[in-house]
Amino acid sequence: MGATDRAVQDAFAQFVRHAVDAAQDEHDWSITHVAARSGVGRSTIFRWLSGDWQHHPELPKVRAFCAALDLPLGAALRALTPLTYKTPPSPEVPEATAMEVLLMAVRDRFIDPRTTSAEKEHILAALHQLARRTTSRAG
């Protein structure tokens, strides 16, 4: 198994862990309850939680899991999609790496099922404001 495969399994396991923990905290749902609501087998959910799967999770099962927990499918798909970065030429590498870390932290915060809608709106508003400011300065 390659490093990218392991990273994807870890990212999806973290996504599923956050989702299951949120369901437990907010609704007092066990994994058995989540499995019953979603139609995804308990053993599959446990494999997802441990990152111990041979084949990529099936889209219908991921979709059902997200629907049962009222999670955006996009968040699960982002966890299942490895991000690849091209590092810029040498002088900018440290700055680019720091920027990538910050962007990934914002992305992770945004897709975390424990992030409230208000927090997500705040993140989006800040990003929109920065994008408008940058665009107006460039013109």
C-alpha atoms as a PDB file:
ATOM      1  CA  MET A   1       0.000   0.000   0.000  1.00  0.00           C
ATOM      2  CA  GLY A   2       1.368   3.387  -0.983  1.00  0.00           C
ATOM      3  CA  ALA A   3       1.674   6.460   1.205  1.00  0.00           C
ATOM      4  CA  THR A   4      -1.185   8.116  -0.687  1.00  0.00           C
ATOM      5  CA  ASP A   5      -3.480   5.124  -0.095  1.00  0.00           C
ATOM      6  CA  ARG A   6      -2.654   5.161   3.622  1.00  0.00           C
ATOM      7  CA  ALA A   7      -3.252   8.918   3.786  1.00  0.00           C
ATOM      8  CA  VAL A   8      -6.656   8.497   2.130  1.00  0.00           C
ATOM      9  CA  GLN A   9      -7.604   5.700   4.519  1.00  0.00           C
ATOM     10  CA  ASP A  10      -6.501   7.798   7.485  1.00  0.00           C
ATOM     11  CA  ALA A  11      -8.389  10.875   6.248  1.00  0.00           C
ATOM     12  CA  PHE A  12     -11.582   8.898   5.662  1.00  0.00           C
ATOM     13  CA  ALA A  13     -11.228   7.130   9.017  1.00  0.00           C
ATOM     14  CA  GLN A  14     -10.952  10.541  10.684  1.00  0.00           C
ATOM     15  CA  PHE A  15     -14.025  11.784   8.797  1.00  0.00           C
ATOM     16  CA  VAL A  16     -16.041   8.721   9.851  1.00  0.00           C
ATOM     17  CA  ARG A  17     -14.779   9.004  13.461  1.00  0.00           C
ATOM     18  CA  HIS A  18     -15.878  12.647  13.674  1.00  0.00           C
ATOM     19  CA  ALA A  19     -19.253  11.781  12.162  1.00  0.00           C
ATOM     20  CA  VAL A  20     -19.872   8.844  14.499  1.00  0.00           C
ATOM     21  CA  ASP A  21     -18.708  10.843  17.527  1.00  0.00           C
ATOM     22  CA  ALA A  22     -21.018  13.722  16.567  1.00  0.00           C
ATOM     23  CA  ALA A  23     -23.953  11.304  16.169  1.00  0.00           C
ATOM     24  CA  GLN A  24     -23.170   9.881  19.602  1.00  0.00           C
ATOM     25  CA  ASP A  25     -22.853  13.322  21.210  1.00  0.00           C
ATOM     26  CA  GLU A  26     -25.844  14.954  19.526  1.00  0.00           C
ATOM     27  CA  HIS A  27     -28.315  12.059  19.245  1.00  0.00           C
ATOM     28  CA  ASP A  28     -26.911   9.364  21.535  1.00  0.00           C
ATOM     29  CA  TRP A  29     -26.624   7.048  18.515  1.00  0.00           C
ATOM     30  CA  SER A  30     -24.414   3.985  18.691  1.00  0.00           C
ATOM     31  CA  ILE A  31     -22.599   2.580  15.692  1.00  0.00           C
ATOM     32  CA  THR A  32     -25.326  -0.065  15.539  1.00  0.00           C
ATOM     33  CA  HIS A  33     -27.923   2.709  15.284  1.00  0.00           C
ATOM     34  CA  VAL A  34     -25.898   4.548  12.608  1.00  0.00           C
ATOM     35  CA  ALA A  35     -25.597   1.284  10.673  1.00  0.00           C
ATOM     36  CA  ALA A  36     -29.338   0.651  10.896  1.00  0.00           C
ATOM     37  CA  ARG A  37     -30.220   4.228   9.834  1.00  0.00           C
ATOM     38  CA  SER A  38     -27.795   4.215   6.931  1.00  0.00           C
ATOM     39  CA  GLY A  39     -28.107   0.636   5.741  1.00  0.00           C
ATOM     40  CA  VAL A  40     -24.315   0.367   5.887  1.00  0.00           C
ATOM     41  CA  GLY A  41     -23.194  -2.732   7.764  1.00  0.00           C
ATOM     42  CA  ARG A  42     -21.600  -2.388  11.184  1.00  0.00           C
ATOM     43  CA  SER A  43     -18.538  -4.267   9.967  1.00  0.00           C
ATOM     44  CA  THR A  44     -18.143  -1.806   7.096  1.00  0.00           C
ATOM     45  CA  ILE A  45     -18.369   1.155   9.463  1.00  0.00           C
ATOM     46  CA  PHE A  46     -15.800  -0.453  11.758  1.00  0.00           C
ATOM     47  CA  ARG A  47     -13.477  -1.021   8.776  1.00  0.00           C
ATOM     48  CA  TRP A  48     -13.909   2.611   7.775  1.00  0.00           C
ATOM     49  CA  LEU A  49     -13.170   3.714  11.335  1.00  0.00           C
ATOM     50  CA  SER A  50      -9.963   1.708  11.442  1.00  0.00           C
ATOM     51  CA  GLY A  51      -8.905   2.633   7.917  1.00  0.00           C
ATOM     52  CA  ASP A  52      -8.679  -1.092   7.256  1.00  0.00           C
ATOM     53  CA  TRP A  53     -10.189  -1.557   3.805  1.00  0.00           C
ATOM     54  CA  GLN A  54      -8.850  -3.193   0.674  1.00  0.00           C
ATOM     55  CA  HIS A  55     -11.083  -1.423  -1.842  1.00  0.00           C
ATOM     56  CA  HIS A  56     -12.227   2.157  -1.985  1.00  0.00           C
ATOM     57  CA  PRO A  57     -15.553   2.588  -0.140  1.00  0.00           C
ATOM     58  CA  GLU A  58     -18.517   2.206  -2.465  1.00  0.00           C
ATOM     59  CA  LEU A  59     -20.202   5.487  -3.356  1.00  0.00           C
ATOM     60  CA  PRO A  60     -23.761   4.289  -2.568  1.00  0.00           C
ATOM     61  CA  LYS A  61     -22.650   3.264   0.932  1.00  0.00           C
ATOM     62  CA  VAL A  62     -20.793   6.536   1.511  1.00  0.00           C
ATOM     63  CA  ARG A  63     -23.827   8.452   0.239  1.00  0.00           C
ATOM     64  CA  ALA A  64     -26.172   6.497   2.550  1.00  0.00           C
ATOM     65  CA  PHE A  65     -23.858   7.046   5.532  1.00  0.00           C
ATOM     66  CA  CYS A  66     -23.746  10.795   4.867  1.00  0.00           C
ATOM     67  CA  ALA A  67     -27.508  11.014   4.311  1.00  0.00           C
ATOM     68  CA  ALA A  68     -28.270   9.171   7.552  1.00  0.00           C
ATOM     69  CA  LEU A  69     -26.051  11.556   9.515  1.00  0.00           C
ATOM     70  CA  ASP A  70     -27.088  14.658   7.554  1.00  0.00           C
ATOM     71  CA  LEU A  71     -23.541  15.245   6.322  1.00  0.00           C
ATOM     72  CA  PRO A  72     -22.546  16.716   2.988  1.00  0.00           C
ATOM     73  CA  LEU A  73     -21.401  14.019   0.589  1.00  0.00           C
ATOM     74  CA  GLY A  74     -18.691  16.389  -0.601  1.00  0.00           C
ATOM     75  CA  ALA A  75     -16.996  16.241   2.780  1.00  0.00           C
ATOM     76  CA  ALA A  76     -16.683  12.464   2.542  1.00  0.00           C
ATOM     77  CA  LEU A  77     -15.496  12.645  -1.045  1.00  0.00           C
ATOM     78  CA  ARG A  78     -12.830  15.192  -0.129  1.00  0.00           C
ATOM     79  CA  ALA A  79     -11.561  12.825   2.549  1.00  0.00           C
ATOM     80  CA  LEU A  80     -11.424  10.060  -0.063  1.00  0.00           C
ATOM     81  CA  THR A  81      -9.637  12.177  -2.659  1.00  0.00           C
ATOM     82  CA  PRO A  82      -5.925  12.653  -2.163  1.00  0.00           C
ATOM     83  CA  LEU A  83      -4.684  16.183  -2.569  1.00  0.00           C
ATOM     84  CA  THR A  84      -1.509  16.547  -4.525  1.00  0.00           C
ATOM     85  CA  TYR A  85       0.626  19.627  -4.346  1.00  0.00           C
ATOM     86  CA  LYS A  86       3.288  20.813  -6.694  1.00  0.00           C
ATOM     87  CA  THR A  87       6.019  22.526  -4.758  1.00  0.00           C
ATOM     88  CA  PRO A  88       7.179  25.771  -6.308  1.00  0.00           C
ATOM     89  CA  PRO A  89      10.844  26.524  -7.052  1.00  0.00           C
ATOM     90  CA  SER A  90      13.228  26.555  -4.097  1.00  0.00           C
ATOM     91  CA  PRO A  91      13.047  30.096  -2.584  1.00  0.00           C
ATOM     92  CA  GLU A  92       9.272  29.889  -2.079  1.00  0.00           C
ATOM     93  CA  VAL A  93       9.065  26.357  -0.703  1.00  0.00           C
ATOM     94  CA  PRO A  94       8.907  27.255   3.016  1.00  0.00           C
ATOM     95  CA  GLU A  95       6.228  29.913   2.459  1.00  0.00           C
ATOM     96  CA  ALA A  96       4.234  27.706   0.114  1.00  0.00           C
ATOM     97  CA  THR A  97       4.383  24.816   2.553  1.00  0.00           C
ATOM     98  CA  ALA A  98       3.160  27.030   5.399  1.00  0.00           C
ATOM     99  CA  MET A  99       0.358  28.331   3.189  1.00  0.00           C
ATOM    100  CA  GLU A 100      -0.645  24.791   2.209  1.00  0.00           C
ATOM    101  CA  VAL A 101      -0.791  23.787   5.859  1.00  0.00           C
ATOM    102  CA  LEU A 102      -3.051  26.746   6.638  1.00  0.00           C
ATOM    103  CA  LEU A 103      -5.313  26.052   3.676  1.00  0.00           C
ATOM    104  CA  MET A 104      -5.606  22.403   4.637  1.00  0.00           C
ATOM    105  CA  ALA A 105      -6.426  23.387   8.226  1.00  0.00           C
ATOM    106  CA  VAL A 106      -9.205  25.688   6.999  1.00  0.00           C
ATOM    107  CA  ARG A 107     -10.466  22.943   4.666  1.00  0.00           C
ATOM    108  CA  ASP A 108     -10.410  20.374   7.459  1.00  0.00           C
ATOM    109  CA  ARG A 109     -12.256  22.720   9.797  1.00  0.00           C
ATOM    110  CA  PHE A 110     -14.875  23.402   7.136  1.00  0.00           C
ATOM    111  CA  ILE A 111     -15.585  19.721   6.400  1.00  0.00           C
ATOM    112  CA  ASP A 112     -15.470  18.599  10.031  1.00  0.00           C
ATOM    113  CA  PRO A 113     -19.011  17.511  10.951  1.00  0.00           C
ATOM    114  CA  ARG A 114     -18.561  19.130  14.359  1.00  0.00           C
ATOM    115  CA  THR A 115     -18.109  22.587  12.790  1.00  0.00           C
ATOM    116  CA  THR A 116     -21.343  24.504  13.204  1.00  0.00           C
ATOM    117  CA  SER A 117     -23.191  26.167  10.341  1.00  0.00           C
ATOM    118  CA  ALA A 118     -22.390  29.552  11.875  1.00  0.00           C
ATOM    119  CA  GLU A 119     -18.669  28.758  11.865  1.00  0.00           C
ATOM    120  CA  LYS A 120     -18.872  27.613   8.253  1.00  0.00           C
ATOM    121  CA  GLU A 121     -20.670  30.818   7.279  1.00  0.00           C
ATOM    122  CA  HIS A 122     -17.952  32.816   9.038  1.00  0.00           C
ATOM    123  CA  ILE A 123     -15.204  30.925   7.167  1.00  0.00           C
ATOM    124  CA  LEU A 124     -16.968  31.455   3.829  1.00  0.00           C
ATOM    125  CA  ALA A 125     -17.570  35.148   4.519  1.00  0.00           C
ATOM    126  CA  ALA A 126     -13.904  35.673   5.359  1.00  0.00           C
ATOM    127  CA  LEU A 127     -12.794  33.839   2.213  1.00  0.00           C
ATOM    128  CA  HIS A 128     -15.220  35.820   0.041  1.00  0.00           C
ATOM    129  CA  GLN A 129     -14.024  39.084   1.582  1.00  0.00           C
ATOM    130  CA  LEU A 130     -10.381  38.176   0.956  1.00  0.00           C
ATOM    131  CA  ALA A 131     -11.139  37.088  -2.599  1.00  0.00           C
ATOM    132  CA  ARG A 132     -12.937  40.360  -3.373  1.00  0.00           C
ATOM    133  CA  ARG A 133     -10.157  42.405  -1.784  1.00  0.00           C
ATOM    134  CA  THR A 134      -7.470  40.573  -3.746  1.00  0.00           C
ATOM    135  CA  THR A 135      -9.426  40.854  -6.998  1.00  0.00           C
ATOM    136  CA  SER A 136     -10.079  44.574  -6.566  1.00  0.00           C
ATOM    137  CA  ARG A 137      -6.396  45.273  -5.826  1.00  0.00           C
ATOM    138  CA  ALA A 138      -5.238  43.308  -8.842  1.00  0.00           C
ATOM    139  CA  GLY A 139      -7.451  45.299 -11.253  1.00  0.00           C
END
